[in-house]
C-alpha atoms as a PDB file:
ATOM      1  CA  MET A   1      30.600  13.665 -52.164  1.00  0.00           C
ATOM      2  CA  LEU A   2      26.951  14.462 -51.460  1.00  0.00           C
ATOM      3  CA  PRO A   3      26.670  17.929 -49.885  1.00  0.00           C
ATOM      4  CA  ALA A   4      24.991  16.458 -46.782  1.00  0.00           C
ATOM      5  CA  PHE A   5      28.235  14.643 -45.909  1.00  0.00           C
ATOM      6  CA  THR A   6      30.984  17.088 -46.892  1.00  0.00           C
ATOM      7  CA  HIS A   7      31.451  18.057 -43.224  1.00  0.00           C
ATOM      8  CA  ILE A   8      32.269  14.504 -42.136  1.00  0.00           C
ATOM      9  CA  ARG A   9      35.842  13.969 -40.957  1.00  0.00           C
ATOM     10  CA  ASN A  10      35.310  10.787 -38.916  1.00  0.00           C
ATOM     11  CA  TRP A  11      33.596   7.784 -40.523  1.00  0.00           C
ATOM     12  CA  ILE A  12      32.645   5.428 -37.703  1.00  0.00           C
ATOM     13  CA  PHE A  13      31.392   1.914 -38.413  1.00  0.00           C
ATOM     14  CA  ASP A  14      29.992  -0.875 -36.306  1.00  0.00           C
ATOM     15  CA  LEU A  15      31.544  -4.242 -37.164  1.00  0.00           C
ATOM     16  CA  ASP A  16      29.223  -7.245 -36.958  1.00  0.00           C
ATOM     17  CA  ASN A  17      26.345  -7.333 -39.461  1.00  0.00           C
ATOM     18  CA  THR A  18      27.478  -3.933 -40.741  1.00  0.00           C
ATOM     19  CA  LEU A  19      30.763  -4.531 -42.569  1.00  0.00           C
ATOM     20  CA  TYR A  20      29.624  -7.962 -43.709  1.00  0.00           C
ATOM     21  CA  ALA A  21      26.178  -9.197 -44.746  1.00  0.00           C
ATOM     22  CA  ALA A  22      23.767 -10.110 -41.959  1.00  0.00           C
ATOM     23  CA  GLU A  23      23.165 -13.387 -43.814  1.00  0.00           C
ATOM     24  CA  THR A  24      26.721 -14.390 -42.924  1.00  0.00           C
ATOM     25  CA  ASN A  25      25.287 -14.993 -39.447  1.00  0.00           C
ATOM     26  CA  LEU A  26      28.438 -15.203 -37.385  1.00  0.00           C
ATOM     27  CA  PHE A  27      26.211 -14.739 -34.369  1.00  0.00           C
ATOM     28  CA  ALA A  28      24.844 -18.242 -34.903  1.00  0.00           C
ATOM     29  CA  LEU A  29      28.327 -19.517 -34.074  1.00  0.00           C
ATOM     30  CA  ILE A  30      28.855 -17.044 -31.246  1.00  0.00           C
ATOM     31  CA  ASP A  31      25.399 -17.880 -29.852  1.00  0.00           C
ATOM     32  CA  VAL A  32      26.375 -21.518 -29.496  1.00  0.00           C
ATOM     33  CA  LYS A  33      29.526 -20.555 -27.616  1.00  0.00           C
ATOM     34  CA  MET A  34      27.654 -18.106 -25.366  1.00  0.00           C
ATOM     35  CA  GLY A  35      25.054 -20.725 -24.554  1.00  0.00           C
ATOM     36  CA  ALA A  36      27.701 -23.285 -23.678  1.00  0.00           C
ATOM     37  CA  PHE A  37      29.527 -20.759 -21.478  1.00  0.00           C
ATOM     38  CA  ILE A  38      26.354 -19.849 -19.566  1.00  0.00           C
ATOM     39  CA  ALA A  39      25.203 -23.463 -19.232  1.00  0.00           C
ATOM     40  CA  ASP A  40      28.570 -24.453 -17.770  1.00  0.00           C
ATOM     41  CA  LEU A  41      28.834 -21.371 -15.548  1.00  0.00           C
ATOM     42  CA  LEU A  42      25.360 -21.658 -14.024  1.00  0.00           C
ATOM     43  CA  ASP A  43      24.825 -25.401 -14.404  1.00  0.00           C
ATOM     44  CA  VAL A  44      21.619 -24.985 -16.421  1.00  0.00           C
ATOM     45  CA  ASP A  45      20.313 -26.683 -19.547  1.00  0.00           C
ATOM     46  CA  ALA A  46      20.670 -25.220 -23.048  1.00  0.00           C
ATOM     47  CA  GLU A  47      17.144 -23.792 -23.138  1.00  0.00           C
ATOM     48  CA  ARG A  48      17.564 -21.930 -19.856  1.00  0.00           C
ATOM     49  CA  ALA A  49      20.996 -20.703 -20.929  1.00  0.00           C
ATOM     50  CA  ARG A  50      19.591 -19.255 -24.155  1.00  0.00           C
ATOM     51  CA  ARG A  51      16.783 -17.435 -22.324  1.00  0.00           C
ATOM     52  CA  LEU A  52      19.296 -15.877 -19.947  1.00  0.00           C
ATOM     53  CA  GLN A  53      21.607 -14.965 -22.821  1.00  0.00           C
ATOM     54  CA  LYS A  54      18.892 -13.048 -24.704  1.00  0.00           C
ATOM     55  CA  ASP A  55      17.533 -11.457 -21.538  1.00  0.00           C
ATOM     56  CA  TYR A  56      20.974 -10.104 -20.635  1.00  0.00           C
ATOM     57  CA  PHE A  57      21.551  -8.915 -24.205  1.00  0.00           C
ATOM     58  CA  TYR A  58      18.393  -6.820 -24.326  1.00  0.00           C
ATOM     59  CA  ARG A  59      18.609  -5.513 -20.751  1.00  0.00           C
ATOM     60  CA  TYR A  60      22.316  -4.743 -20.560  1.00  0.00           C
ATOM     61  CA  GLY A  61      23.383  -4.123 -24.178  1.00  0.00           C
ATOM     62  CA  THR A  62      25.489  -7.280 -24.395  1.00  0.00           C
ATOM     63  CA  THR A  63      25.298 -10.754 -22.878  1.00  0.00           C
ATOM     64  CA  LEU A  64      28.707 -10.088 -21.343  1.00  0.00           C
ATOM     65  CA  ALA A  65      27.500  -6.959 -19.534  1.00  0.00           C
ATOM     66  CA  GLY A  66      24.659  -8.969 -18.015  1.00  0.00           C
ATOM     67  CA  LEU A  67      26.967 -11.773 -16.939  1.00  0.00           C
ATOM     68  CA  MET A  68      29.378  -9.303 -15.374  1.00  0.00           C
ATOM     69  CA  HIS A  69      26.582  -7.485 -13.529  1.00  0.00           C
ATOM     70  CA  GLU A  70      24.652 -10.559 -12.417  1.00  0.00           C
ATOM     71  CA  HIS A  71      27.447 -13.106 -11.890  1.00  0.00           C
ATOM     72  CA  GLY A  72      30.789 -11.281 -11.763  1.00  0.00           C
ATOM     73  CA  VAL A  73      32.092 -13.034 -14.872  1.00  0.00           C
ATOM     74  CA  ASP A  74      35.680 -12.338 -15.973  1.00  0.00           C
ATOM     75  CA  PRO A  75      35.216 -10.504 -19.308  1.00  0.00           C
ATOM     76  CA  HIS A  76      38.533 -11.688 -20.736  1.00  0.00           C
ATOM     77  CA  ALA A  77      37.679 -15.358 -20.245  1.00  0.00           C
ATOM     78  CA  PHE A  78      34.237 -14.862 -21.778  1.00  0.00           C
ATOM     79  CA  LEU A  79      35.446 -12.915 -24.817  1.00  0.00           C
ATOM     80  CA  ASP A  80      38.298 -15.327 -25.533  1.00  0.00           C
ATOM     81  CA  TYR A  81      35.876 -18.251 -25.416  1.00  0.00           C
ATOM     82  CA  VAL A  82      32.941 -16.925 -27.456  1.00  0.00           C
ATOM     83  CA  HIS A  83      35.073 -15.324 -30.192  1.00  0.00           C
ATOM     84  CA  ASP A  84      37.050 -18.499 -30.818  1.00  0.00           C
ATOM     85  CA  ILE A  85      35.019 -19.330 -33.930  1.00  0.00           C
ATOM     86  CA  ASP A  86      35.693 -20.266 -37.551  1.00  0.00           C
ATOM     87  CA  LEU A  87      35.412 -17.209 -39.832  1.00  0.00           C
ATOM     88  CA  ASP A  88      35.416 -19.100 -43.141  1.00  0.00           C
ATOM     89  CA  ARG A  89      31.882 -17.913 -43.904  1.00  0.00           C
ATOM     90  CA  VAL A  90      33.024 -14.262 -43.981  1.00  0.00           C
ATOM     91  CA  GLU A  91      33.703 -13.398 -47.620  1.00  0.00           C
ATOM     92  CA  ALA A  92      36.242 -10.943 -48.996  1.00  0.00           C
ATOM     93  CA  SER A  93      34.731  -7.731 -50.356  1.00  0.00           C
ATOM     94  CA  PRO A  94      37.235  -5.816 -52.484  1.00  0.00           C
ATOM     95  CA  ASP A  95      34.547  -3.398 -53.665  1.00  0.00           C
ATOM     96  CA  LEU A  96      33.621  -2.449 -50.088  1.00  0.00           C
ATOM     97  CA  ALA A  97      37.308  -2.129 -49.199  1.00  0.00           C
ATOM     98  CA  ALA A  98      37.858   0.265 -52.091  1.00  0.00           C
ATOM     99  CA  GLN A  99      34.790   2.331 -51.177  1.00  0.00           C
ATOM    100  CA  ILE A 100      35.864   2.706 -47.547  1.00  0.00           C
ATOM    101  CA  ALA A 101      39.466   3.472 -48.512  1.00  0.00           C
ATOM    102  CA  ALA A 102      38.195   6.309 -50.727  1.00  0.00           C
ATOM    103  CA  LEU A 103      36.301   8.070 -47.920  1.00  0.00           C
ATOM    104  CA  PRO A 104      37.949  11.368 -46.947  1.00  0.00           C
ATOM    105  CA  GLY A 105      39.075  11.552 -43.323  1.00  0.00           C
ATOM    106  CA  ARG A 106      39.550   8.968 -40.599  1.00  0.00           C
ATOM    107  CA  LYS A 107      37.835   5.596 -40.487  1.00  0.00           C
ATOM    108  CA  LEU A 108      37.122   4.006 -37.098  1.00  0.00           C
ATOM    109  CA  ILE A 109      35.562   0.756 -35.873  1.00  0.00           C
ATOM    110  CA  PHE A 110      33.247   1.025 -32.847  1.00  0.00           C
ATOM    111  CA  THR A 111      32.280  -2.440 -31.645  1.00  0.00           C
ATOM    112  CA  ASN A 112      30.994  -4.304 -28.608  1.00  0.00           C
ATOM    113  CA  ALA A 113      33.337  -7.146 -29.565  1.00  0.00           C
ATOM    114  CA  ASP A 114      37.058  -7.160 -28.783  1.00  0.00           C
ATOM    115  CA  ALA A 115      39.843  -5.886 -31.010  1.00  0.00           C
ATOM    116  CA  GLY A 116      41.408  -9.287 -31.639  1.00  0.00           C
ATOM    117  CA  TYR A 117      38.179 -10.682 -33.034  1.00  0.00           C
ATOM    118  CA  ALA A 118      37.536  -7.466 -34.999  1.00  0.00           C
ATOM    119  CA  GLU A 119      40.978  -7.672 -36.600  1.00  0.00           C
ATOM    120  CA  ARG A 120      40.323 -11.254 -37.715  1.00  0.00           C
ATOM    121  CA  VAL A 121      36.982 -10.301 -39.272  1.00  0.00           C
ATOM    122  CA  LEU A 122      38.440  -7.245 -41.008  1.00  0.00           C
ATOM    123  CA  ALA A 123      41.241  -9.376 -42.454  1.00  0.00           C
ATOM    124  CA  ARG A 124      38.705 -11.803 -43.917  1.00  0.00           C
ATOM    125  CA  ILE A 125      36.821  -8.934 -45.606  1.00  0.00           C
ATOM    126  CA  GLY A 126      40.024  -7.262 -46.817  1.00  0.00           C
ATOM    127  CA  LEU A 127      39.626  -4.226 -44.587  1.00  0.00           C
ATOM    128  CA  ASP A 128      42.475  -4.845 -42.156  1.00  0.00           C
ATOM    129  CA  SER A 129      44.547  -1.903 -43.452  1.00  0.00           C
ATOM    130  CA  HIS A 130      41.678   0.547 -43.958  1.00  0.00           C
ATOM    131  CA  PHE A 131      40.850   1.674 -40.417  1.00  0.00           C
ATOM    132  CA  ASP A 132      42.755   4.080 -38.218  1.00  0.00           C
ATOM    133  CA  ALA A 133      41.580   2.551 -34.930  1.00  0.00           C
ATOM    134  CA  ILE A 134      39.309  -0.041 -33.337  1.00  0.00           C
ATOM    135  CA  HIS A 135      37.411   1.127 -30.256  1.00  0.00           C
ATOM    136  CA  ASP A 136      36.358  -2.141 -28.658  1.00  0.00           C
ATOM    137  CA  ILE A 137      34.667  -3.376 -25.487  1.00  0.00           C
ATOM    138  CA  HIS A 138      37.951  -3.192 -23.564  1.00  0.00           C
ATOM    139  CA  ALA A 139      38.376   0.470 -24.555  1.00  0.00           C
ATOM    140  CA  THR A 140      34.900   1.290 -23.228  1.00  0.00           C
ATOM    141  CA  GLY A 141      35.706  -0.200 -19.837  1.00  0.00           C
ATOM    142  CA  PHE A 142      33.274  -3.032 -20.611  1.00  0.00           C
ATOM    143  CA  GLN A 143      30.378  -0.571 -20.806  1.00  0.00           C
ATOM    144  CA  PRO A 144      28.873  -1.464 -24.201  1.00  0.00           C
ATOM    145  CA  LYS A 145      26.809   0.409 -26.718  1.00  0.00           C
ATOM    146  CA  PRO A 146      24.207   1.815 -26.151  1.00  0.00           C
ATOM    147  CA  MET A 147      25.550   2.995 -22.766  1.00  0.00           C
ATOM    148  CA  ASP A 148      26.508   6.678 -22.938  1.00  0.00           C
ATOM    149  CA  HIS A 149      29.972   6.037 -21.524  1.00  0.00           C
ATOM    150  CA  ALA A 150      30.925   3.952 -24.565  1.00  0.00           C
ATOM    151  CA  TYR A 151      30.379   6.927 -26.893  1.00  0.00           C
ATOM    152  CA  HIS A 152      32.119   9.427 -24.640  1.00  0.00           C
ATOM    153  CA  SER A 153      35.100   7.080 -24.355  1.00  0.00           C
ATOM    154  CA  LEU A 154      35.259   6.798 -28.157  1.00  0.00           C
ATOM    155  CA  CYS A 155      35.304  10.578 -28.566  1.00  0.00           C
ATOM    156  CA  ALA A 156      37.859  11.095 -25.813  1.00  0.00           C
ATOM    157  CA  ALA A 157      40.232   8.345 -26.925  1.00  0.00           C
ATOM    158  CA  HIS A 158      40.335   9.419 -30.565  1.00  0.00           C
ATOM    159  CA  ALA A 159      39.683  13.178 -30.363  1.00  0.00           C
ATOM    160  CA  VAL A 160      36.414  12.728 -32.233  1.00  0.00           C
ATOM    161  CA  ASP A 161      34.299  15.832 -32.778  1.00  0.00           C
ATOM    162  CA  PRO A 162      30.730  14.466 -32.949  1.00  0.00           C
ATOM    163  CA  ALA A 163      29.640  17.349 -35.179  1.00  0.00           C
ATOM    164  CA  GLN A 164      32.116  16.143 -37.810  1.00  0.00           C
ATOM    165  CA  SER A 165      31.347  12.451 -37.390  1.00  0.00           C
ATOM    166  CA  LEU A 166      29.063   9.866 -38.936  1.00  0.00           C
ATOM    167  CA  PHE A 167      28.126   6.528 -37.375  1.00  0.00           C
ATOM    168  CA  VAL A 168      26.847   3.504 -39.331  1.00  0.00           C
ATOM    169  CA  GLU A 169      25.195   0.762 -37.262  1.00  0.00           C
ATOM    170  CA  ASP A 170      22.803  -2.137 -37.871  1.00  0.00           C
ATOM    171  CA  MET A 171      21.220  -1.918 -34.407  1.00  0.00           C
ATOM    172  CA  ALA A 172      18.924   1.103 -34.268  1.00  0.00           C
ATOM    173  CA  ARG A 173      19.065   1.502 -30.493  1.00  0.00           C
ATOM    174  CA  ASN A 174      22.836   2.022 -30.660  1.00  0.00           C
ATOM    175  CA  LEU A 175      22.345   5.178 -32.718  1.00  0.00           C
ATOM    176  CA  ALA A 176      20.441   7.203 -30.110  1.00  0.00           C
ATOM    177  CA  PRO A 177      23.471   8.132 -27.939  1.00  0.00           C
ATOM    178  CA  ALA A 178      25.465   9.035 -31.063  1.00  0.00           C
ATOM    179  CA  LYS A 179      22.664  11.291 -32.264  1.00  0.00           C
ATOM    180  CA  ALA A 180      22.437  12.923 -28.828  1.00  0.00           C
ATOM    181  CA  LEU A 181      26.138  13.818 -29.074  1.00  0.00           C
ATOM    182  CA  GLY A 182      25.606  15.416 -32.469  1.00  0.00           C
ATOM    183  CA  MET A 183      26.775  12.693 -34.841  1.00  0.00           C
ATOM    184  CA  THR A 184      25.131  12.029 -38.179  1.00  0.00           C
ATOM    185  CA  THR A 185      23.492   8.599 -37.833  1.00  0.00           C
ATOM    186  CA  ILE A 186      22.962   5.908 -40.459  1.00  0.00           C
ATOM    187  CA  TRP A 187      20.807   2.885 -39.675  1.00  0.00           C
ATOM    188  CA  LEU A 188      21.701  -0.122 -41.816  1.00  0.00           C
ATOM    189  CA  ASN A 189      18.332  -1.863 -41.729  1.00  0.00           C
ATOM    190  CA  ASN A 190      19.401  -5.250 -43.075  1.00  0.00           C
ATOM    191  CA  GLY A 191      17.247  -7.556 -40.969  1.00  0.00           C
ATOM    192  CA  SER A 192      19.941  -8.446 -38.443  1.00  0.00           C
ATOM    193  CA  GLU A 193      18.839 -10.019 -35.184  1.00  0.00           C
ATOM    194  CA  GLY A 194      17.706  -7.288 -32.809  1.00  0.00           C
ATOM    195  CA  GLY A 195      18.421  -4.618 -35.414  1.00  0.00           C
ATOM    196  CA  GLY A 196      15.091  -2.858 -34.937  1.00  0.00           C
ATOM    197  CA  HIS A 197      14.877  -3.337 -31.173  1.00  0.00           C
ATOM    198  CA  ASP A 198      14.027  -0.109 -29.301  1.00  0.00           C
ATOM    199  CA  LEU A 199      13.767   1.761 -32.595  1.00  0.00           C
ATOM    200  CA  ASP A 200      13.742   5.560 -32.182  1.00  0.00           C
ATOM    201  CA  ARG A 201      13.121   7.246 -35.512  1.00  0.00           C
ATOM    202  CA  ASP A 202      14.207  10.617 -34.129  1.00  0.00           C
ATOM    203  CA  ALA A 203      17.701   9.208 -33.576  1.00  0.00           C
ATOM    204  CA  ILE A 204      18.117   8.145 -37.208  1.00  0.00           C
ATOM    205  CA  ASP A 205      19.184  10.631 -39.867  1.00  0.00           C
ATOM    206  CA  TYR A 206      19.278   8.141 -42.732  1.00  0.00           C
ATOM    207  CA  GLU A 207      18.039   4.570 -43.148  1.00  0.00           C
ATOM    208  CA  ILE A 208      19.744   2.385 -45.730  1.00  0.00           C
ATOM    209  CA  GLY A 209      19.426  -1.232 -46.812  1.00  0.00           C
ATOM    210  CA  SER A 210      22.890  -1.824 -48.273  1.00  0.00           C
ATOM    211  CA  LEU A 211      26.176  -0.392 -47.091  1.00  0.00           C
ATOM    212  CA  GLY A 212      27.882  -0.870 -50.445  1.00  0.00           C
ATOM    213  CA  ALA A 213      25.075   0.782 -52.393  1.00  0.00           C
ATOM    214  CA  TRP A 214      24.981   3.703 -49.960  1.00  0.00           C
ATOM    215  CA  LEU A 215      28.736   4.261 -50.132  1.00  0.00           C
ATOM    216  CA  ALA A 216      28.547   4.221 -53.927  1.00  0.00           C
ATOM    217  CA  SER A 217      25.739   6.770 -53.833  1.00  0.00           C
ATOM    218  CA  LEU A 218      27.911   9.257 -51.958  1.00  0.00           C
ATOM    219  CA  LYS A 219      29.798   9.861 -55.196  1.00  0.00           C
ATOM    220  CA  THR A 220      26.937   9.540 -57.648  1.00  0.00           C
ATOM    221  CA  GLY A 221      24.917  12.197 -55.842  1.00  0.00           C
ATOM    222  CA  GLU A 222      21.837  10.022 -55.306  1.00  0.00           C
ATOM    223  CA  MET A 223      21.134   8.469 -51.914  1.00  0.00           C
ATOM    224  CA  ALA A 224      20.655   4.682 -52.137  1.00  0.00           C
END
């Protein structure tokens, strides 16, 4: 283990576009479902629905948070609908599974999605038995990353000491609250949609381009 990470006891990972390649583009499927949900809810055309979807995403952290705030949407109905997608495009990654299994300490998922969807994705990758817990949007009280409450709820629910924790995330803005708590932050800059939005370099300890290469480098002694 590289000396810079020997203090880490909690390895915290985002899910979407972090534990699988951004090119997998599950959000293209989820986007379609979100658009259809909004169009039906507000009786607007597809173009208007997409504009609202993206506006809510950037202003509130998730489209769901915006819909709840602006329209009182039932989060359970929304999440069940938009996550009902085909996951065939998610490929198994035995190498990544082995690398994560080898990390010393606890492994946690911290996602703005729900646990049911996360479990399905992890099973496709081959990671379904490698994580100690999934802290999802239900566990945060529907207050998503990057809202401070989401991070405090993670730490409280799982007795996470931020000073002994590392957080890997593809969306740079979601790292700032983790850094403020004292976590070591890793930005996976893989070109995901919105990944560089509200970029704060001071909140990023390390920037990487490949999760697999970075995990391998922890043992070789050379940062990827």
